[in-house]
Amino acid sequence: MDVDAAVRDGITFFTHKATEGTTIRHVHYGEALNRARAAGMPLMGAYMVVRTPGNNGHGAVPAQVDYALAYLDSQTPWWRTTPEFFIQVDTEHWGYDDVAPQYGVTACSLLRARTGKWVVLYAPRWAYGDGIPGNDPLWASSYGANPAVPYRQAYPGDGSSGWASYSGRTPTILQYGSRLTIGTQPYCDADAFRGTVAQMRALITGVDMDAVQNYRLKLLFENWDPTRDQWVAAGGDPAVWDAANAAGGARNGVKQTFNSFNDSFDTLNGKVDALDSAVHAIGAPTQDQVNTAVLNAMLDPRVQQGIGDAIASHLHVS
């Protein structure tokens, strides 16, 4: 698949089969995920197909999890340190193995405990109905007429019956076709998430990117008294600046706005203060020069992305 073309066509999350049971490895998994990473796919994952233990020689579910994780490590060693990477467990009724849903639930629990990653269970209504135990997020499938068209044309809508609850949960992801064209590739499975990329990223990483942006602004404005234009250029809400200014100054008002972050970042702020003192001790730049350098750096999109990535990697919640 041309993953670059898929990204250009608006695809924002991508998974690929890695293993099945304890005897099958998908030979294109590593190649596909590495190409997706290079193409800038925002969210990526791998999926393991769970088999009934003992069926056709497949091992117990813990052994299947071991098998999958070892293959991920060998083919995509970066997956463990990539916050946006998630794992999909696939359980279905195959003609050769009608896998019971509890095996998928067990795999999800083991993967979550072993990796700290967000794990989603592909267990469709047409196979299991209301018989899926536990509370894992569900990946449903409902193809309707399953037309062979560009993927956007086939999406049935956020209110379609494919999103209806079953097994006590509303699906988190819906697969709505298997013959769809994505980018330059026909006959693709296509899936939908009802929300923004930022919301899906927050679900997978456990990090609210709005909070990350607020923290970026806090770092900037604790060392700078911004003009309204500077605040807006850094991504701030002009209404917040106006309220802070009316309360007695943008700098003081902004610091009050971000009081909820103070406890979490006292250590980091102390290091920034120590660095600032050290810089002044050698008599190099003036305060205005330091402020200007901080502002210019914080407005650099590359710096903002780096801060976001660093926070995402250190605030991961499993």
Protein backbone atom coordinates (compact mmCIF):
# COMPACT_ATOMS: atom_id res chain seq x y z
CA MET A 1 0.00 0.00 0.00
CA ASP A 2 1.17 3.54 -0.78
CA VAL A 3 0.96 4.92 2.76
CA ASP A 4 2.11 8.38 1.65
CA ALA A 5 -0.91 8.53 -0.66
CA ALA A 6 -3.17 7.38 2.19
CA VAL A 7 -1.90 10.18 4.44
CA ARG A 8 -2.43 12.71 1.67
CA ASP A 9 -5.96 11.32 1.27
CA GLY A 10 -6.75 12.16 4.88
CA ILE A 11 -6.10 8.87 6.69
CA THR A 12 -5.00 9.55 10.28
CA PHE A 13 -4.76 6.11 11.89
CA PHE A 14 -3.42 2.83 10.55
CA THR A 15 -3.03 -0.71 11.88
CA HIS A 16 -1.47 -3.78 10.34
CA LYS A 17 -1.62 -7.46 11.21
CA ALA A 18 1.47 -8.67 13.05
CA THR A 19 0.76 -12.19 14.30
CA GLU A 20 -1.85 -14.93 14.53
CA GLY A 21 -1.78 -17.37 17.42
CA THR A 22 1.71 -18.71 18.09
CA THR A 23 2.71 -19.86 14.61
CA ILE A 24 1.92 -17.12 12.07
CA ARG A 25 3.80 -13.86 11.49
CA HIS A 26 2.76 -11.39 8.84
CA VAL A 27 5.87 -10.84 6.74
CA HIS A 28 4.90 -7.32 5.64
CA TYR A 29 4.12 -5.96 9.11
CA GLY A 30 7.49 -4.28 9.78
CA GLU A 31 7.77 -2.85 6.28
CA ALA A 32 4.25 -1.42 6.42
CA LEU A 33 4.57 0.18 9.86
CA ASN A 34 7.96 1.66 9.10
CA ARG A 35 6.59 3.18 5.89
CA ALA A 36 3.61 4.56 7.79
CA ARG A 37 5.93 6.12 10.32
CA ALA A 38 8.07 7.67 7.59
CA ALA A 39 4.94 9.03 5.90
CA GLY A 40 3.93 10.88 9.07
CA MET A 41 0.86 8.80 9.90
CA PRO A 42 -0.39 10.46 13.12
CA LEU A 43 -1.59 7.29 14.91
CA MET A 44 -0.41 3.72 14.31
CA GLY A 45 -0.93 0.27 15.71
CA ALA A 46 -0.42 -3.44 15.31
CA TYR A 47 -2.95 -6.18 15.67
CA MET A 48 -2.70 -9.75 16.81
CA VAL A 49 -5.29 -12.36 15.82
CA VAL A 50 -6.16 -14.51 18.82
CA ARG A 51 -6.75 -18.21 18.20
CA THR A 52 -8.39 -20.81 20.40
CA PRO A 53 -5.63 -22.46 22.46
CA GLY A 54 -4.99 -25.95 21.10
CA ASN A 55 -6.65 -25.24 17.75
CA ASN A 56 -4.26 -26.24 14.96
CA GLY A 57 -1.36 -26.28 17.41
CA HIS A 58 -1.70 -22.71 18.74
CA GLY A 59 -0.55 -22.08 22.30
CA ALA A 60 -2.25 -20.55 25.30
CA VAL A 61 -3.25 -16.89 25.21
CA PRO A 62 -0.23 -15.71 27.29
CA ALA A 63 2.05 -17.48 24.81
CA GLN A 64 0.22 -15.77 21.94
CA VAL A 65 0.83 -12.39 23.60
CA ASP A 66 4.52 -13.22 24.09
CA TYR A 67 4.74 -14.22 20.43
CA ALA A 68 3.15 -10.94 19.28
CA LEU A 69 5.28 -8.67 21.46
CA ALA A 70 8.49 -10.39 20.42
CA TYR A 71 7.60 -9.83 16.77
CA LEU A 72 6.76 -6.16 17.36
CA ASP A 73 10.12 -5.72 19.09
CA SER A 74 12.01 -7.33 16.23
CA GLN A 75 10.26 -5.49 13.40
CA THR A 76 9.38 -2.09 14.92
CA PRO A 77 11.62 -1.56 17.96
CA TRP A 78 10.42 2.03 18.26
CA TRP A 79 6.84 1.04 19.11
CA ARG A 80 7.32 0.95 22.88
CA THR A 81 8.55 4.55 23.06
CA THR A 82 6.00 5.96 20.60
CA PRO A 83 3.08 7.33 22.66
CA GLU A 84 0.70 7.25 19.67
CA PHE A 85 1.19 3.53 19.09
CA PHE A 86 -1.70 1.28 20.13
CA ILE A 87 -2.54 -2.43 19.98
CA GLN A 88 -5.59 -4.09 18.46
CA VAL A 89 -6.71 -7.57 19.46
CA ASP A 90 -8.69 -9.36 16.73
CA THR A 91 -11.21 -12.04 17.69
CA GLU A 92 -13.64 -13.44 15.13
CA HIS A 93 -15.58 -16.51 14.11
CA TRP A 94 -13.43 -18.05 11.42
CA GLY A 95 -14.55 -21.01 9.41
CA TYR A 96 -11.66 -22.95 10.89
CA ASP A 97 -11.82 -21.55 14.44
CA ASP A 98 -14.79 -19.90 16.18
CA VAL A 99 -12.76 -17.99 18.78
CA ALA A 100 -14.61 -17.36 22.04
CA PRO A 101 -14.64 -13.69 23.11
CA GLN A 102 -13.05 -14.35 26.50
CA TYR A 103 -9.78 -15.22 24.76
CA GLY A 104 -9.69 -11.75 23.25
CA VAL A 105 -10.53 -10.16 26.59
CA THR A 106 -7.70 -12.10 28.25
CA ALA A 107 -5.26 -10.96 25.55
CA CYS A 108 -6.32 -7.32 26.03
CA SER A 109 -5.73 -7.53 29.77
CA LEU A 110 -2.30 -9.10 29.36
CA LEU A 111 -1.23 -6.60 26.70
CA ARG A 112 -2.36 -3.64 28.76
CA ALA A 113 -0.49 -4.92 31.81
CA ARG A 114 2.64 -5.80 29.85
CA THR A 115 2.92 -2.65 27.73
CA GLY A 116 0.93 0.20 29.28
CA LYS A 117 -0.49 0.84 25.81
CA TRP A 118 -4.06 1.57 24.83
CA VAL A 119 -5.59 -1.73 23.69
CA VAL A 120 -8.80 -2.07 21.67
CA LEU A 121 -10.76 -5.28 21.03
CA TYR A 122 -12.00 -6.04 17.53
CA ALA A 123 -14.98 -8.25 18.33
CA PRO A 124 -17.90 -7.49 16.01
CA ARG A 125 -21.58 -7.59 16.91
CA TRP A 126 -22.29 -10.06 14.08
CA ALA A 127 -19.99 -12.59 15.76
CA TYR A 128 -20.65 -12.04 19.47
CA GLY A 129 -23.72 -9.87 20.01
CA ASP A 130 -24.04 -9.10 23.72
CA GLY A 131 -21.77 -11.95 24.79
CA ILE A 132 -18.48 -10.06 25.16
CA PRO A 133 -17.38 -9.87 28.81
CA GLY A 134 -15.35 -7.07 30.40
CA ASN A 135 -15.20 -3.42 29.46
CA ASP A 136 -12.51 -3.21 26.78
CA PRO A 137 -13.13 -0.55 24.11
CA LEU A 138 -14.72 -2.22 21.10
CA TRP A 139 -13.83 -2.05 17.43
CA ALA A 140 -17.01 -2.96 15.55
CA SER A 141 -17.63 -3.80 11.91
CA SER A 142 -20.72 -3.25 9.78
CA TYR A 143 -20.29 -3.07 6.00
CA GLY A 144 -23.82 -2.48 4.78
CA ALA A 145 -23.79 -2.91 1.00
CA ASN A 146 -19.95 -2.83 1.07
CA PRO A 147 -19.58 -0.76 -2.11
CA ALA A 148 -16.32 -0.48 -4.05
CA VAL A 149 -15.96 3.32 -3.87
CA PRO A 150 -13.63 5.94 -2.34
CA TYR A 151 -13.76 5.56 1.41
CA ARG A 152 -15.41 8.89 2.19
CA GLN A 153 -18.38 8.06 -0.03
CA ALA A 154 -19.10 4.85 1.87
CA TYR A 155 -19.10 6.20 5.44
CA PRO A 156 -22.67 5.71 6.75
CA GLY A 157 -22.50 8.62 9.20
CA ASP A 158 -21.97 9.15 12.92
CA GLY A 159 -25.57 8.22 13.66
CA SER A 160 -25.67 4.98 11.68
CA SER A 161 -26.72 1.65 13.19
CA GLY A 162 -23.12 0.45 13.00
CA TRP A 163 -22.40 2.62 16.04
CA ALA A 164 -25.20 1.08 18.13
CA SER A 165 -24.21 -0.29 21.53
CA TYR A 166 -23.72 -4.00 22.17
CA SER A 167 -22.23 -5.98 25.04
CA GLY A 168 -22.92 -2.94 27.21
CA ARG A 169 -20.71 -0.56 25.24
CA THR A 170 -20.79 1.85 22.33
CA PRO A 171 -18.04 1.01 19.82
CA THR A 172 -15.01 3.27 19.83
CA ILE A 173 -14.06 2.48 16.21
CA LEU A 174 -16.24 1.27 13.35
CA GLN A 175 -14.97 -0.65 10.32
CA TYR A 176 -17.50 0.17 7.61
CA GLY A 177 -16.17 -1.42 4.43
CA SER A 178 -13.61 -3.78 2.93
CA ARG A 179 -13.65 -2.81 -0.75
CA LEU A 180 -12.87 0.87 -0.43
CA THR A 181 -10.26 2.97 -2.20
CA ILE A 182 -7.82 4.86 0.01
CA GLY A 183 -5.25 6.98 -1.77
CA THR A 184 -4.20 4.86 -4.73
CA GLN A 185 -5.11 1.51 -3.16
CA PRO A 186 -8.44 -0.24 -3.91
CA TYR A 187 -10.04 -2.96 -1.78
CA CYS A 188 -9.05 -1.51 1.60
CA ASP A 189 -10.71 -1.90 4.97
CA ALA A 190 -11.77 1.55 6.16
CA ASP A 191 -12.48 2.54 9.75
CA ALA A 192 -13.87 5.59 11.52
CA PHE A 193 -13.49 7.26 14.91
CA ARG A 194 -16.16 9.75 15.93
CA GLY A 195 -13.96 12.63 17.01
CA THR A 196 -10.93 14.69 16.09
CA VAL A 197 -7.38 13.44 15.65
CA ALA A 198 -6.49 15.27 18.87
CA GLN A 199 -9.28 13.45 20.73
CA MET A 200 -8.17 10.07 19.42
CA ARG A 201 -4.56 10.87 20.30
CA ALA A 202 -5.64 11.81 23.83
CA LEU A 203 -7.52 8.50 24.10
CA ILE A 204 -4.47 6.52 22.98
CA THR A 205 -1.77 8.43 24.86
CA GLY A 206 -3.69 9.52 27.93
CA VAL A 207 -2.51 13.10 27.27
CA ASP A 208 -4.88 16.01 26.66
CA MET A 209 -3.15 18.07 23.97
CA ASP A 210 -5.13 21.16 24.97
CA ALA A 211 -3.49 20.88 28.38
CA VAL A 212 -0.12 20.48 26.68
CA GLN A 213 -0.69 23.69 24.74
CA ASN A 214 -1.69 25.48 27.94
CA TYR A 215 1.54 24.32 29.52
CA ARG A 216 3.54 25.62 26.57
CA LEU A 217 1.90 29.00 27.07
CA LYS A 218 2.61 28.88 30.78
CA LEU A 219 6.30 28.30 30.14
CA LEU A 220 6.37 31.25 27.78
CA PHE A 221 4.42 33.80 29.78
CA GLU A 222 5.96 33.17 33.17
CA ASN A 223 9.07 34.72 31.64
CA TRP A 224 7.41 37.26 29.38
CA ASP A 225 4.72 39.93 29.69
CA PRO A 226 2.98 39.37 26.33
CA THR A 227 1.23 41.81 24.13
CA ARG A 228 -2.15 40.68 22.91
CA ASP A 229 -0.72 39.89 19.46
CA GLN A 230 2.10 37.80 20.98
CA TRP A 231 -0.40 35.83 23.08
CA VAL A 232 -2.59 35.08 20.05
CA ALA A 233 0.44 34.20 17.90
CA ALA A 234 1.46 31.61 20.51
CA GLY A 235 -1.97 29.98 20.33
CA GLY A 236 -3.67 31.74 23.22
CA ASP A 237 -7.34 32.68 23.38
CA PRO A 238 -7.62 36.47 22.99
CA ALA A 239 -10.51 36.49 25.47
CA VAL A 240 -8.18 35.07 28.13
CA TRP A 241 -5.64 37.84 27.48
CA ASP A 242 -8.39 40.49 27.65
CA ALA A 243 -9.64 39.14 30.97
CA ALA A 244 -6.12 38.93 32.39
CA ASN A 245 -5.32 42.45 31.23
CA ALA A 246 -8.48 43.80 32.82
CA ALA A 247 -7.53 42.06 36.07
CA GLY A 248 -4.31 44.01 36.33
CA GLY A 249 -1.87 42.91 33.70
CA ALA A 250 -1.52 40.10 31.24
CA ARG A 251 1.44 38.53 32.94
CA ASN A 252 -0.16 38.27 36.37
CA GLY A 253 -3.49 37.26 34.91
CA VAL A 254 -1.96 34.54 32.77
CA LYS A 255 -0.05 33.14 35.72
CA GLN A 256 -3.33 32.94 37.62
CA THR A 257 -4.96 31.23 34.66
CA PHE A 258 -2.41 28.44 34.84
CA ASN A 259 -2.27 27.98 38.62
CA SER A 260 -3.56 24.43 38.21
CA PHE A 261 -0.30 23.50 36.51
CA ASN A 262 2.00 24.87 39.21
CA ASP A 263 2.27 21.81 41.43
CA SER A 264 3.02 19.50 38.53
CA PHE A 265 5.78 21.62 37.08
CA ASP A 266 7.52 23.15 40.12
CA THR A 267 10.60 21.02 39.56
CA LEU A 268 10.91 22.05 35.93
CA ASN A 269 10.35 25.70 36.77
CA GLY A 270 13.09 25.49 39.38
CA LYS A 271 15.51 24.23 36.78
CA VAL A 272 14.52 27.05 34.43
CA ASP A 273 15.06 29.60 37.21
CA ALA A 274 18.44 28.08 38.05
CA LEU A 275 19.49 28.26 34.42
CA ASP A 276 18.30 31.85 34.20
CA SER A 277 20.36 32.76 37.29
CA ALA A 278 23.41 31.03 35.89
CA VAL A 279 23.11 32.90 32.61
CA HIS A 280 22.86 36.23 34.39
CA ALA A 281 25.79 35.36 36.66
CA ILE A 282 28.17 35.27 33.72
CA GLY A 283 26.92 38.65 32.60
CA ALA A 284 26.20 37.59 29.04
CA PRO A 285 22.72 38.58 27.75
CA THR A 286 20.39 41.23 29.12
CA GLN A 287 16.96 40.30 30.43
CA ASP A 288 15.39 41.72 27.29
CA GLN A 289 17.65 39.51 25.19
CA VAL A 290 16.72 36.44 27.22
CA ASN A 291 13.01 37.28 26.93
CA THR A 292 13.29 37.77 23.20
CA ALA A 293 15.17 34.49 22.78
CA VAL A 294 12.59 32.61 24.85
CA LEU A 295 9.73 34.11 22.85
CA ASN A 296 11.33 33.33 19.51
CA ALA A 297 12.12 29.78 20.57
CA MET A 298 8.67 29.08 21.95
CA LEU A 299 7.00 30.38 18.81
CA ASP A 300 9.07 27.98 16.68
CA PRO A 301 6.71 25.12 15.65
CA ARG A 302 9.58 22.64 15.94
CA VAL A 303 10.13 23.60 19.57
CA GLN A 304 6.41 23.39 20.31
CA GLN A 305 6.23 19.93 18.74
CA GLY A 306 9.27 18.80 20.73
CA ILE A 307 7.72 19.96 24.00
CA GLY A 308 4.48 18.23 23.11
CA ASP A 309 6.28 14.98 22.29
CA ALA A 310 8.31 15.13 25.50
CA ILE A 311 5.24 15.73 27.65
CA ALA A 312 3.31 13.01 25.85
CA SER A 313 6.09 10.50 26.53
CA HIS A 314 6.37 11.38 30.20
CA LEU A 315 2.69 11.82 31.05
CA HIS A 316 1.50 8.56 29.51
CA VAL A 317 -1.33 7.10 31.55
CA SER A 318 -2.20 3.44 31.19
